[in-house]
């Protein structure tokens, strides 16, 4: 039997029809399988039932030829003097015990990258690290360079952001990995996927499907998806092998924290406009019985708005009502009071969109970071926030994940989605311990008796430490 890598798949020559995961390809008169099944097919061919070592460069069974594998073995020792925390060591042990496959769920700020560095050293094979953004790719590259570059003759590779340098340890973005995985899917024995909750997207699923990597590690703070598509991750990467909750780490490894929910009234004028727009939207939804809290229900609503004039008017009314609640006058008064109260703290103000973030920036004369902020400017703002030159900054959703944000101890949510993931990410931004070890506070300012009330309740589910005002 001969197994070979071919454009993101495996070609199996001189094999019986009992080979698992394979289908006959009449174009080449050979069996073909997804590259992700390399490990299982190899073990089936060797008749080992999973006991073969994946560090063997040649098969020990007669007439088995493995031409698929192009990745290397090596011995690495991370160049870091930090000892793994107890939960990081437990997570690594759980992953290793699961044949070095599976996902680990850590709260934001608790050391996912450090765990990955340990896993790369433990696996001892060529590794591909996939991340969602170029900013995060650069951060991972810096971390891995510090940990391993002096032990690798070609350094740490980068695939994405204008770079095309593939080495034994390479960092890439989801988009670049999707584009090139059919070419490089045989060159890595370990696949590390950061912010793995993005992977279930149909195009991104091809990344693990088209690589032979027998070892796989998914990392995230927010594994579950509202559409339940996270269930495909078990097949692509393995089961969840370890999970650590925020509350268990608060105090010893993360800051103690409390979440405080403040409700404000709309002005008489705002209330009148809100009720008018909301009723237009509500009447349309009720007449069609959409279940808007389920993804399919909301998709059906949006679909109808594309061809139904009344549906389109309902969507516009919903957006107008949301904006009235989001930008309520008394929210700014409350924000003003909070900023005066926490003038000595490091504070991040979160909004749902760029427009409101810029409004806050102008109103309170504080720096602002959005998706429109140039990389150099964003880096400079974050550095000044880190040093304390800036004690406050406003942002839209760009800081929710994928950017290394300096430690803050106060967060203020003025608006956001119903996503538990977004809420958890924003909470995580204020949980990195400061030198003073002061408790962190996450404020949420909600317009009372509006859609924001229900949105807030849904996104807060699972976070227990709270107070309402």
Protein backbone atom coordinates (compact mmCIF):
# COMPACT_ATOMS: atom_id res chain seq x y z
CA UNK A 1 0.00 0.00 0.00
CA UNK A 2 1.17 3.50 -0.83
CA UNK A 3 -0.29 6.70 0.61
CA UNK A 4 0.45 10.10 -0.94
CA UNK A 5 -0.65 13.70 -0.47
CA UNK A 6 -2.39 15.24 -3.47
CA UNK A 7 -3.77 18.79 -3.45
CA UNK A 8 -5.31 18.59 0.01
CA UNK A 9 -6.36 14.93 -0.26
CA UNK A 10 -4.79 11.50 0.11
CA UNK A 11 -4.29 9.09 -2.76
CA UNK A 12 -4.23 5.41 -1.73
CA UNK A 13 -2.59 2.99 -4.11
CA UNK A 14 -2.68 -0.81 -3.96
CA UNK A 15 -5.19 -0.93 -1.12
CA UNK A 16 -8.22 -3.09 -0.38
CA UNK A 17 -11.77 -1.76 -0.59
CA UNK A 18 -12.01 -2.00 3.21
CA UNK A 19 -9.84 1.07 3.67
CA UNK A 20 -11.72 3.55 5.90
CA UNK A 21 -12.80 7.08 4.87
CA UNK A 22 -11.88 6.54 1.21
CA UNK A 23 -13.85 6.61 -2.03
CA UNK A 24 -12.88 5.30 -5.43
CA UNK A 25 -11.76 8.03 -7.83
CA UNK A 26 -12.29 6.88 -11.41
CA UNK A 27 -10.22 9.75 -12.78
CA UNK A 28 -7.00 8.24 -11.38
CA UNK A 29 -8.16 4.67 -10.68
CA UNK A 30 -7.20 4.99 -7.01
CA UNK A 31 -8.91 5.47 -3.69
CA UNK A 32 -8.98 9.04 -2.40
CA UNK A 33 -9.66 10.37 1.12
CA UNK A 34 -9.59 13.70 2.93
CA UNK A 35 -6.16 14.60 4.22
CA UNK A 36 -7.53 14.92 7.76
CA UNK A 37 -7.90 11.12 7.89
CA UNK A 38 -4.16 10.54 7.39
CA UNK A 39 -3.63 9.39 10.96
CA UNK A 40 -6.53 6.92 10.98
CA UNK A 41 -5.69 5.45 7.58
CA UNK A 42 -2.03 5.08 8.48
CA UNK A 43 -2.87 3.27 11.69
CA UNK A 44 -5.38 1.07 9.85
CA UNK A 45 -2.71 0.16 7.31
CA UNK A 46 -0.23 -0.72 10.03
CA UNK A 47 -2.83 -2.75 11.87
CA UNK A 48 -1.95 -1.02 15.11
CA UNK A 49 -5.37 0.19 16.25
CA UNK A 50 -3.92 3.53 17.19
CA UNK A 51 -0.70 2.34 18.85
CA UNK A 52 1.77 3.43 16.17
CA UNK A 53 4.12 6.27 16.95
CA UNK A 54 3.63 9.21 14.65
CA UNK A 55 7.28 10.15 14.94
CA UNK A 56 8.33 7.16 12.83
CA UNK A 57 9.67 8.28 9.47
CA UNK A 58 9.34 4.80 7.93
CA UNK A 59 6.68 2.16 8.38
CA UNK A 60 7.46 -1.02 10.25
CA UNK A 61 4.91 -3.05 8.31
CA UNK A 62 5.89 -4.73 5.06
CA UNK A 63 4.62 -3.17 1.83
CA UNK A 64 3.45 0.07 3.45
CA UNK A 65 4.85 3.18 1.80
CA UNK A 66 4.08 6.58 3.33
CA UNK A 67 4.78 9.34 0.81
CA UNK A 68 2.18 11.69 2.30
CA UNK A 69 4.18 12.96 5.24
CA UNK A 70 6.49 15.90 4.57
CA UNK A 71 6.75 17.34 8.09
CA UNK A 72 9.76 17.13 10.39
CA UNK A 73 10.50 15.93 13.90
CA UNK A 74 12.59 18.08 16.23
CA UNK A 75 13.28 18.70 19.89
CA UNK A 76 12.42 22.18 21.16
CA UNK A 77 12.69 23.77 24.59
CA UNK A 78 10.74 27.02 25.02
CA UNK A 79 13.09 29.89 25.85
CA UNK A 80 10.85 31.19 28.62
CA UNK A 81 11.57 31.16 32.33
CA UNK A 82 7.90 31.07 33.31
CA UNK A 83 6.57 27.89 34.87
CA UNK A 84 3.15 26.73 33.57
CA UNK A 85 0.30 27.50 35.93
CA UNK A 86 -1.52 24.51 37.41
CA UNK A 87 -4.48 24.77 35.05
CA UNK A 88 -2.20 25.18 32.03
CA UNK A 89 -0.31 22.04 32.96
CA UNK A 90 -3.59 20.19 33.51
CA UNK A 91 -4.82 21.31 30.09
CA UNK A 92 -1.60 20.18 28.40
CA UNK A 93 -1.80 16.80 30.15
CA UNK A 94 -5.44 16.35 29.11
CA UNK A 95 -4.58 17.19 25.51
CA UNK A 96 -1.64 14.79 25.51
CA UNK A 97 -3.79 12.04 27.04
CA UNK A 98 -6.28 12.50 24.18
CA UNK A 99 -3.60 11.62 21.61
CA UNK A 100 -2.70 15.31 21.25
CA UNK A 101 -6.05 16.19 19.76
CA UNK A 102 -8.83 18.45 21.01
CA UNK A 103 -9.77 21.96 22.09
CA UNK A 104 -8.98 23.88 25.26
CA UNK A 105 -11.24 26.65 26.59
CA UNK A 106 -9.50 29.33 28.65
CA UNK A 107 -10.85 32.75 29.64
CA UNK A 108 -9.39 35.75 27.83
CA UNK A 109 -6.10 36.75 29.45
CA UNK A 110 -5.38 33.39 31.07
CA UNK A 111 -2.55 32.22 28.81
CA UNK A 112 -3.83 30.42 25.70
CA UNK A 113 -0.71 31.38 23.75
CA UNK A 114 1.58 30.13 26.51
CA UNK A 115 -0.26 26.78 26.45
CA UNK A 116 0.24 26.55 22.69
CA UNK A 117 3.98 27.16 23.08
CA UNK A 118 4.13 24.23 25.51
CA UNK A 119 2.06 22.06 23.14
CA UNK A 120 4.36 22.83 20.19
CA UNK A 121 7.38 21.78 22.24
CA UNK A 122 5.57 18.69 23.49
CA UNK A 123 4.48 17.53 20.03
CA UNK A 124 7.96 18.01 18.54
CA UNK A 125 6.78 18.25 14.94
CA UNK A 126 6.41 20.98 12.33
CA UNK A 127 3.52 23.21 13.40
CA UNK A 128 1.04 25.51 11.66
CA UNK A 129 -0.68 28.13 13.83
CA UNK A 130 -3.86 29.61 12.35
CA UNK A 131 -5.24 32.90 13.72
CA UNK A 132 -8.11 35.18 12.65
CA UNK A 133 -6.34 38.52 12.08
CA UNK A 134 -3.05 39.95 10.84
CA UNK A 135 -2.59 41.74 14.17
CA UNK A 136 -2.89 38.47 16.03
CA UNK A 137 -0.60 36.78 13.49
CA UNK A 138 2.10 39.35 14.26
CA UNK A 139 1.63 38.88 18.01
CA UNK A 140 1.95 35.09 17.71
CA UNK A 141 5.00 35.49 15.50
CA UNK A 142 6.69 37.65 18.14
CA UNK A 143 5.85 35.19 20.92
CA UNK A 144 7.05 32.14 18.97
CA UNK A 145 10.19 33.97 17.88
CA UNK A 146 11.04 34.64 21.52
CA UNK A 147 10.34 31.01 22.42
CA UNK A 148 11.93 29.06 19.57
CA UNK A 149 13.69 31.09 16.86
CA UNK A 150 17.21 30.43 18.19
CA UNK A 151 16.52 26.67 17.87
CA UNK A 152 15.21 26.76 14.29
CA UNK A 153 17.59 27.47 11.41
CA UNK A 154 14.88 29.13 9.32
CA UNK A 155 13.14 30.97 12.16
CA UNK A 156 9.37 31.37 12.49
CA UNK A 157 7.49 31.53 9.20
CA UNK A 158 4.69 33.92 8.29
CA UNK A 159 2.01 33.23 5.68
CA UNK A 160 -0.27 36.22 5.22
CA UNK A 161 -0.24 40.02 5.29
CA UNK A 162 2.01 40.13 2.22
CA UNK A 163 4.42 37.50 3.59
CA UNK A 164 4.93 34.04 2.12
CA UNK A 165 7.60 32.41 4.23
CA UNK A 166 6.79 28.82 5.23
CA UNK A 167 9.10 27.17 7.78
CA UNK A 168 8.87 24.36 10.34
CA UNK A 169 6.81 26.61 12.60
CA UNK A 170 4.59 28.96 10.63
CA UNK A 171 1.89 31.42 11.67
CA UNK A 172 -0.90 32.24 9.23
CA UNK A 173 -4.34 33.80 9.09
CA UNK A 174 -7.54 31.87 8.47
CA UNK A 175 -7.86 33.47 5.04
CA UNK A 176 -4.30 32.66 3.95
CA UNK A 177 -4.51 29.13 5.35
CA UNK A 178 -7.69 28.53 3.38
CA UNK A 179 -5.97 29.78 0.24
CA UNK A 180 -2.82 27.68 0.55
CA UNK A 181 -3.64 24.64 2.68
CA UNK A 182 -3.99 22.37 -0.36
CA UNK A 183 -0.36 23.21 -1.14
CA UNK A 184 1.12 22.94 2.36
CA UNK A 185 -1.22 20.47 4.05
CA UNK A 186 1.43 17.74 4.13
CA UNK A 187 4.13 19.86 5.78
CA UNK A 188 2.79 20.12 9.34
CA UNK A 189 2.29 17.51 12.04
CA UNK A 190 0.55 19.87 14.48
CA UNK A 191 -2.29 22.22 13.62
CA UNK A 192 -3.01 24.93 16.23
CA UNK A 193 -6.19 26.96 15.65
CA UNK A 194 -6.62 30.09 17.75
CA UNK A 195 -10.11 31.56 18.33
CA UNK A 196 -11.35 28.22 17.10
CA UNK A 197 -15.01 29.30 17.24
CA UNK A 198 -14.40 30.84 13.79
CA UNK A 199 -13.39 27.52 12.23
CA UNK A 200 -16.92 26.14 11.57
CA UNK A 201 -17.38 28.65 8.72
CA UNK A 202 -17.77 26.48 5.58
CA UNK A 203 -14.62 27.77 3.87
CA UNK A 204 -12.48 27.59 7.00
CA UNK A 205 -13.44 23.98 7.66
CA UNK A 206 -11.30 23.09 4.66
CA UNK A 207 -8.18 24.06 6.62
CA UNK A 208 -8.27 21.03 8.97
CA UNK A 209 -9.86 18.85 6.27
CA UNK A 210 -6.97 19.40 3.87
CA UNK A 211 -4.04 18.92 6.24
CA UNK A 212 -2.62 15.59 7.35
CA UNK A 213 -1.61 16.94 10.79
CA UNK A 214 -2.18 14.05 13.23
CA UNK A 215 -1.94 16.42 16.21
CA UNK A 216 -4.50 19.22 16.55
CA UNK A 217 -5.19 21.89 19.16
CA UNK A 218 -8.06 24.36 19.22
CA UNK A 219 -7.99 27.40 21.52
CA UNK A 220 -10.75 29.81 22.49
CA UNK A 221 -12.44 31.59 25.37
CA UNK A 222 -15.87 31.10 23.81
CA UNK A 223 -16.32 27.68 22.22
CA UNK A 224 -20.09 27.35 21.84
CA UNK A 225 -21.80 29.09 18.91
CA UNK A 226 -25.43 30.21 18.79
CA UNK A 227 -25.92 28.21 15.56
CA UNK A 228 -24.51 25.04 17.22
CA UNK A 229 -21.95 24.74 14.42
CA UNK A 230 -19.25 24.24 17.06
CA UNK A 231 -20.32 20.59 17.00
CA UNK A 232 -18.32 20.07 13.78
CA UNK A 233 -15.12 20.88 15.67
CA UNK A 234 -15.06 17.47 17.32
CA UNK A 235 -14.63 15.81 13.94
CA UNK A 236 -12.14 18.40 12.69
CA UNK A 237 -9.92 18.78 15.77
CA UNK A 238 -11.14 16.43 18.50
CA UNK A 239 -13.25 16.87 21.60
CA UNK A 240 -13.00 19.59 24.23
CA UNK A 241 -10.31 18.17 26.51
CA UNK A 242 -10.16 20.95 29.10
CA UNK A 243 -12.25 23.92 30.16
CA UNK A 244 -11.49 26.57 32.77
CA UNK A 245 -14.12 29.11 33.87
CA UNK A 246 -13.48 32.78 34.63
CA UNK A 247 -14.74 32.55 38.21
CA UNK A 248 -12.27 29.77 39.09
CA UNK A 249 -9.29 31.88 38.03
CA UNK A 250 -10.49 35.21 39.42
CA UNK A 251 -8.40 36.29 42.38
CA UNK A 252 -5.36 34.02 41.96
CA UNK A 253 -4.59 34.22 38.25
CA UNK A 254 -7.05 36.86 37.03
CA UNK A 255 -8.42 39.93 38.74
CA UNK A 256 -11.33 39.65 41.09
CA UNK A 257 -14.24 41.30 39.31
CA UNK A 258 -17.81 42.42 39.53
CA UNK A 259 -20.29 43.30 36.82
CA UNK A 260 -22.58 46.26 37.47
CA UNK A 261 -25.69 46.87 35.37
CA UNK A 262 -27.02 50.41 35.29
CA UNK A 263 -30.38 51.26 33.74
CA UNK A 264 -31.24 54.72 32.45
CA UNK A 265 -34.54 56.20 31.29
CA UNK A 266 -35.16 57.58 27.85
CA UNK A 267 -36.18 61.22 27.72
CA UNK A 268 -39.83 61.92 26.86
CA UNK A 269 -38.89 62.75 23.29
CA UNK A 270 -36.68 59.66 22.94
CA UNK A 271 -39.42 57.46 24.40
CA UNK A 272 -42.02 58.75 21.96
CA UNK A 273 -39.77 58.15 18.96
CA UNK A 274 -38.63 54.76 20.27
CA UNK A 275 -42.18 53.51 20.86
CA UNK A 276 -43.29 54.61 17.41
CA UNK A 277 -40.45 52.85 15.59
CA UNK A 278 -40.49 49.78 17.81
CA UNK A 279 -44.25 49.28 17.28
CA UNK A 280 -43.84 49.29 13.49
CA UNK A 281 -41.20 46.60 13.81
CA UNK A 282 -43.11 44.59 16.41
CA UNK A 283 -46.39 44.61 14.46
CA UNK A 284 -44.66 43.18 11.41
CA UNK A 285 -42.82 40.48 13.37
CA UNK A 286 -45.96 39.43 15.25
CA UNK A 287 -48.00 39.20 12.06
CA UNK A 288 -45.47 36.73 10.61
CA UNK A 289 -44.61 34.85 13.83
CA UNK A 290 -40.83 35.01 13.45
CA UNK A 291 -38.82 33.50 16.32
CA UNK A 292 -36.14 36.15 16.32
CA UNK A 293 -34.08 34.59 19.11
CA UNK A 294 -33.31 31.67 16.84
CA UNK A 295 -30.91 32.21 13.97
CA UNK A 296 -33.24 30.72 11.35
CA UNK A 297 -36.09 32.92 12.50
CA UNK A 298 -34.03 36.07 12.18
CA UNK A 299 -32.67 34.95 8.82
CA UNK A 300 -36.24 34.46 7.60
CA UNK A 301 -37.11 37.97 8.78
CA UNK A 302 -34.11 39.43 6.91
CA UNK A 303 -34.97 37.41 3.82
CA UNK A 304 -38.49 38.85 3.72
CA UNK A 305 -37.17 42.39 4.12
CA UNK A 306 -35.33 41.99 0.81
CA UNK A 307 -38.57 41.74 -1.21
CA UNK A 308 -41.39 42.87 1.09
CA UNK A 309 -41.69 46.71 1.35
CA UNK A 310 -43.42 46.40 4.74
CA UNK A 311 -40.65 44.11 5.92
CA UNK A 312 -38.06 46.61 4.76
CA UNK A 313 -39.85 49.37 6.67
CA UNK A 314 -39.92 47.10 9.75
CA UNK A 315 -36.17 46.52 9.52
CA UNK A 316 -35.50 50.25 9.23
CA UNK A 317 -37.79 50.87 12.21
CA UNK A 318 -35.89 48.28 14.25
CA UNK A 319 -32.57 49.93 13.39
CA UNK A 320 -33.90 53.37 14.31
CA UNK A 321 -35.27 52.11 17.63
CA UNK A 322 -31.96 50.42 18.43
CA UNK A 323 -30.05 53.62 17.72
CA UNK A 324 -32.34 55.65 20.00
CA UNK A 325 -31.75 53.17 22.84
CA UNK A 326 -28.05 52.84 22.09
CA UNK A 327 -27.32 56.58 22.11
CA UNK A 328 -29.75 57.68 24.84
CA UNK A 329 -28.94 61.07 26.30
CA UNK A 330 -28.84 59.81 29.89
CA UNK A 331 -26.31 57.14 28.93
CA UNK A 332 -23.82 59.90 28.27
CA UNK A 333 -24.65 61.53 31.60
CA UNK A 334 -24.04 58.22 33.36
CA UNK A 335 -20.83 57.69 31.40
CA UNK A 336 -19.65 61.14 32.43
CA UNK A 337 -20.21 60.27 36.09
CA UNK A 338 -18.38 56.95 35.76
CA UNK A 339 -15.37 58.51 34.04
CA UNK A 340 -15.10 61.10 36.81
CA UNK A 341 -15.38 58.36 39.43
CA UNK A 342 -12.69 56.27 37.74
CA UNK A 343 -10.37 59.04 36.59
CA UNK A 344 -7.47 57.19 38.24
CA UNK A 345 -8.24 53.83 36.62
CA UNK A 346 -7.48 52.29 33.20
CA UNK A 347 -10.85 52.31 31.38
CA UNK A 348 -12.10 50.91 28.06
CA UNK A 349 -15.48 52.08 26.72
CA UNK A 350 -17.17 49.56 24.41
CA UNK A 351 -19.77 50.49 21.76
CA UNK A 352 -21.60 48.54 19.08
CA UNK A 353 -20.46 50.57 16.09
CA UNK A 354 -17.85 53.01 14.85
CA UNK A 355 -20.15 56.03 14.70
CA UNK A 356 -21.00 55.90 18.40
CA UNK A 357 -17.36 55.25 19.33
CA UNK A 358 -16.29 58.39 17.48
CA UNK A 359 -19.12 60.35 19.12
CA UNK A 360 -17.83 59.29 22.54
CA UNK A 361 -14.28 60.16 21.52
CA UNK A 362 -15.26 63.69 20.51
CA UNK A 363 -17.60 64.27 23.46
CA UNK A 364 -15.08 63.24 26.13
CA UNK A 365 -11.84 63.99 24.25
CA UNK A 366 -10.39 60.51 24.53
CA UNK A 367 -8.62 58.33 21.92
CA UNK A 368 -10.67 55.95 19.82
CA UNK A 369 -9.86 52.66 18.07
CA UNK A 370 -12.12 51.17 15.39
CA UNK A 371 -11.66 48.96 12.31
CA UNK A 372 -10.89 52.17 10.43
CA UNK A 373 -7.90 53.03 12.62
CA UNK A 374 -4.60 52.53 10.82
CA UNK A 375 -2.27 49.90 12.29
CA UNK A 376 0.47 52.36 13.25
CA UNK A 377 -2.00 54.69 14.96
CA UNK A 378 -3.64 51.81 16.81
CA UNK A 379 -0.25 50.53 17.98
CA UNK A 380 0.68 53.99 19.24
CA UNK A 381 -2.62 54.44 21.09
CA UNK A 382 -2.35 51.04 22.77
CA UNK A 383 1.25 51.70 23.77
CA UNK A 384 0.27 55.03 25.34
CA UNK A 385 -2.60 53.25 27.08
CA UNK A 386 -0.12 50.67 28.34
CA UNK A 387 2.25 53.29 29.75
CA UNK A 388 -0.56 55.28 31.35
CA UNK A 389 -0.25 58.36 29.13
CA UNK A 390 -3.83 57.58 28.14
CA UNK A 391 -6.03 56.27 30.92
CA UNK A 392 -9.19 55.87 28.80
CA UNK A 393 -10.05 54.80 25.29
CA UNK A 394 -13.22 54.19 23.30
CA UNK A 395 -13.68 51.35 20.84
CA UNK A 396 -16.25 49.54 18.75
CA UNK A 397 -15.99 45.78 18.24
CA UNK A 398 -12.38 45.78 17.03
CA UNK A 399 -10.94 45.11 20.52
CA UNK A 400 -13.36 42.28 21.32
CA UNK A 401 -10.78 39.70 20.21
CA UNK A 402 -7.63 39.27 18.17
CA UNK A 403 -5.64 42.21 19.56
CA UNK A 404 -3.37 42.21 22.58
CA UNK A 405 -4.90 44.92 24.74
CA UNK A 406 -2.91 46.28 27.72
CA UNK A 407 -4.34 45.64 31.16
CA UNK A 408 -7.38 47.69 32.14
CA UNK A 409 -9.42 47.40 35.30
CA UNK A 410 -12.63 49.15 34.25
CA UNK A 411 -14.83 48.36 31.26
CA UNK A 412 -17.97 50.26 30.31
CA UNK A 413 -20.38 48.71 27.80
CA UNK A 414 -22.60 51.33 26.21
CA UNK A 415 -23.96 49.04 23.51
CA UNK A 416 -23.41 45.63 22.04
CA UNK A 417 -24.98 42.49 20.64
CA UNK A 418 -26.71 39.59 22.37
CA UNK A 419 -23.59 37.48 21.82
CA UNK A 420 -22.30 35.74 24.95
CA UNK A 421 -18.97 35.50 23.14
CA UNK A 422 -18.71 39.27 22.76
CA UNK A 423 -19.62 39.78 26.41
CA UNK A 424 -17.05 37.23 27.60
CA UNK A 425 -14.35 38.78 25.42
CA UNK A 426 -15.10 42.26 26.77
CA UNK A 427 -15.04 40.98 30.33
CA UNK A 428 -11.72 39.31 29.61
CA UNK A 429 -10.20 42.64 28.59
CA UNK A 430 -10.28 43.86 32.19
CA UNK A 431 -9.28 40.64 33.97
CA UNK A 432 -5.50 40.65 33.53
CA UNK A 433 -4.10 41.31 37.02
CA UNK A 434 -2.58 44.72 37.60
CA UNK A 435 0.31 45.41 39.93
CA UNK A 436 -2.11 46.75 42.53
CA UNK A 437 -4.30 43.61 42.20
CA UNK A 438 -7.38 45.81 42.38
CA UNK A 439 -10.76 44.24 41.55
CA UNK A 440 -11.94 44.84 38.01
CA UNK A 441 -15.35 46.31 37.23
CA UNK A 442 -17.45 45.88 34.13
CA UNK A 443 -20.31 48.36 33.85
CA UNK A 444 -23.18 47.86 31.44
CA UNK A 445 -25.37 50.89 30.79
CA UNK A 446 -28.80 49.87 29.47
CA UNK A 447 -31.74 51.96 28.29
CA UNK A 448 -34.62 50.74 30.44
CA UNK A 449 -37.70 49.14 28.87
CA UNK A 450 -36.13 48.82 25.43
CA UNK A 451 -34.77 45.99 23.30
CA UNK A 452 -31.46 46.47 25.09
CA UNK A 453 -32.92 44.93 28.25
CA UNK A 454 -33.52 41.59 26.53
CA UNK A 455 -30.22 41.72 24.63
CA UNK A 456 -28.36 42.31 27.91
CA UNK A 457 -30.05 39.40 29.66
CA UNK A 458 -29.12 36.99 26.88
CA UNK A 459 -25.47 37.98 26.65
CA UNK A 460 -24.98 37.94 30.43
CA UNK A 461 -26.08 34.35 30.87
CA UNK A 462 -23.30 32.45 32.60
CA UNK A 463 -21.76 35.47 34.36
CA UNK A 464 -23.04 35.38 37.92
CA UNK A 465 -21.16 38.09 39.82
CA UNK A 466 -23.36 41.11 39.19
CA UNK A 467 -25.22 44.03 40.68
CA UNK A 468 -28.06 46.09 39.23
CA UNK A 469 -28.93 49.72 39.72
